[in-house]
Protein backbone atom coordinates (compact mmCIF):
# COMPACT_ATOMS: atom_id res chain seq x y z
CA UNK A 1 0.00 0.00 0.00
CA UNK A 2 1.16 3.52 -0.69
CA UNK A 3 2.65 5.37 2.23
CA UNK A 4 0.17 8.03 3.31
CA UNK A 5 0.23 10.09 6.46
CA UNK A 6 -2.89 10.22 8.60
CA UNK A 7 -3.69 13.77 7.43
CA UNK A 8 -3.43 12.78 3.74
CA UNK A 9 -6.84 11.34 2.88
CA UNK A 10 -6.89 11.85 -0.90
CA UNK A 11 -7.03 8.56 -2.79
CA UNK A 12 -4.39 7.65 -5.36
CA UNK A 13 -5.90 8.52 -8.77
CA UNK A 14 -5.00 5.99 -11.47
CA UNK A 15 -6.06 5.89 -15.11
CA UNK A 16 -5.59 2.84 -17.35
CA UNK A 17 -5.80 3.44 -21.12
CA UNK A 18 -5.86 1.01 -24.03
CA UNK A 19 -7.38 1.25 -27.50
CA UNK A 20 -10.88 -0.25 -27.11
CA UNK A 21 -11.35 -0.17 -23.31
CA UNK A 22 -12.81 -3.64 -23.58
CA UNK A 23 -10.12 -5.92 -22.11
CA UNK A 24 -6.78 -4.78 -20.67
CA UNK A 25 -7.69 -1.40 -19.18
CA UNK A 26 -11.00 -2.76 -17.87
CA UNK A 27 -9.26 -5.61 -16.03
CA UNK A 28 -6.58 -3.24 -14.72
CA UNK A 29 -9.25 -0.89 -13.36
CA UNK A 30 -10.95 -3.86 -11.69
CA UNK A 31 -7.70 -5.06 -10.09
CA UNK A 32 -6.94 -1.54 -8.85
CA UNK A 33 -10.38 -1.46 -7.24
CA UNK A 34 -9.88 -4.91 -5.72
CA UNK A 35 -6.34 -4.42 -4.40
CA UNK A 36 -6.57 -0.69 -3.73
CA UNK A 37 -9.91 -0.68 -1.99
CA UNK A 38 -10.12 2.38 0.20
CA UNK A 39 -7.05 4.16 -1.13
CA UNK A 40 -7.33 4.10 -4.95
CA UNK A 41 -9.68 5.90 -7.32
CA UNK A 42 -9.39 3.84 -10.51
CA UNK A 43 -10.60 4.75 -14.00
CA UNK A 44 -10.16 3.29 -17.46
CA UNK A 45 -10.78 4.53 -20.98
CA UNK A 46 -9.97 3.82 -24.60
CA UNK A 47 -8.58 5.92 -27.41
CA UNK A 48 -11.16 4.29 -29.72
CA UNK A 49 -13.64 2.62 -27.33
CA UNK A 50 -15.50 -0.41 -28.67
CA UNK A 51 -18.64 0.38 -26.72
CA UNK A 52 -18.66 -2.95 -24.89
CA UNK A 53 -16.58 -5.01 -22.51
CA UNK A 54 -15.34 -8.26 -24.07
CA UNK A 55 -17.21 -11.35 -22.83
CA UNK A 56 -13.87 -13.15 -22.35
CA UNK A 57 -12.77 -10.36 -19.97
CA UNK A 58 -16.06 -10.62 -18.08
CA UNK A 59 -15.65 -14.40 -17.77
CA UNK A 60 -11.96 -14.18 -16.81
CA UNK A 61 -12.72 -11.70 -14.02
CA UNK A 62 -15.77 -13.69 -12.88
CA UNK A 63 -13.39 -16.61 -12.26
CA UNK A 64 -11.71 -14.38 -9.65
CA UNK A 65 -14.98 -13.22 -8.11
CA UNK A 66 -15.23 -9.79 -9.79
CA UNK A 67 -18.30 -8.74 -11.81
CA UNK A 68 -16.90 -6.86 -14.80
CA UNK A 69 -20.33 -6.94 -16.50
CA UNK A 70 -21.17 -3.78 -14.54
CA UNK A 71 -18.41 -1.86 -16.37
CA UNK A 72 -18.85 -0.21 -19.77
CA UNK A 73 -16.39 0.71 -22.50
CA UNK A 74 -15.78 4.45 -22.56
CA UNK A 75 -13.64 7.07 -24.21
CA UNK A 76 -11.31 9.61 -22.65
CA UNK A 77 -13.98 12.31 -22.86
CA UNK A 78 -16.12 10.29 -20.40
CA UNK A 79 -13.64 10.16 -17.52
CA UNK A 80 -13.00 12.89 -14.94
CA UNK A 81 -10.89 15.76 -16.28
CA UNK A 82 -8.39 15.75 -13.43
CA UNK A 83 -4.67 15.29 -12.95
CA UNK A 84 -4.05 11.60 -12.29
CA UNK A 85 -1.27 10.34 -10.07
CA UNK A 86 -0.56 7.62 -12.65
CA UNK A 87 -1.60 7.24 -16.28
CA UNK A 88 -0.90 3.70 -17.45
CA UNK A 89 -1.06 2.98 -21.16
CA UNK A 90 -1.39 -0.60 -22.26
CA UNK A 91 0.05 -1.15 -25.70
CA UNK A 92 -1.82 1.53 -27.62
CA UNK A 93 1.34 3.41 -28.55
CA UNK A 94 0.70 6.60 -30.52
CA UNK A 95 -3.06 6.07 -30.25
CA UNK A 96 -2.98 6.81 -26.50
CA UNK A 97 -3.45 10.54 -26.17
CA UNK A 98 -1.72 12.34 -23.35
CA UNK A 99 -3.72 12.99 -20.21
CA UNK A 100 -2.62 15.06 -17.26
CA UNK A 101 -0.70 12.80 -14.91
CA UNK A 102 2.16 13.11 -12.44
CA UNK A 103 3.67 9.85 -13.70
CA UNK A 104 3.21 7.82 -16.87
CA UNK A 105 4.02 4.23 -17.64
CA UNK A 106 3.50 2.11 -20.74
CA UNK A 107 3.04 -1.53 -19.88
CA UNK A 108 2.96 -2.67 -23.53
CA UNK A 109 0.66 -5.59 -22.81
CA UNK A 110 -0.62 -7.50 -25.86
CA UNK A 111 -4.33 -7.22 -26.66
CA UNK A 112 -5.81 -10.57 -25.59
CA UNK A 113 -9.17 -10.25 -27.37
CA UNK A 114 -8.39 -12.88 -30.03
CA UNK A 115 -6.38 -15.16 -27.72
CA UNK A 116 -7.57 -18.58 -26.57
CA UNK A 117 -8.93 -18.57 -23.01
CA UNK A 118 -5.78 -19.95 -21.37
CA UNK A 119 -3.61 -17.24 -22.99
CA UNK A 120 -6.25 -14.64 -22.14
CA UNK A 121 -6.00 -15.72 -18.48
CA UNK A 122 -2.21 -15.33 -18.65
CA UNK A 123 -2.64 -11.71 -19.80
CA UNK A 124 -5.21 -11.18 -17.02
CA UNK A 125 -2.75 -12.53 -14.45
CA UNK A 126 0.06 -10.34 -15.84
CA UNK A 127 -2.18 -7.29 -15.50
CA UNK A 128 -2.99 -8.21 -11.90
CA UNK A 129 0.71 -8.61 -11.11
CA UNK A 130 1.56 -5.22 -12.62
CA UNK A 131 -1.32 -3.49 -10.78
CA UNK A 132 -0.16 -5.00 -7.48
CA UNK A 133 3.39 -3.76 -8.16
CA UNK A 134 2.08 -0.30 -8.97
CA UNK A 135 0.05 -0.12 -5.77
CA UNK A 136 2.94 -1.18 -3.54
CA UNK A 137 5.07 1.80 -4.62
């Protein structure tokens, strides 16, 4: 967990961005909510949102007890216009527009949407690992 003094109550603001906001960034947002409960304000968006969350992502997160079916695919214009503590891009390269953030990271995670379920789960698990690492800083 991030080191916060007792008089610092503001949550860590994290934004995850990928192209469609249907797989990677959605799962990252979910993991940030799971592992950062109480100290993280997590958001996700896409540079070209698909308009829906991939059923494989919903199923993969359901296996871990998280209901991703309540999320929806959204664009950058639909998220709060604030300065984020972290903006994490996930393999969208030049398609990821800049947002105001104190720190930026590109995780360059492959898009799992066409992957078989076992490979999709591997990407899901990689995202969880990277979110946990981010939140322990």
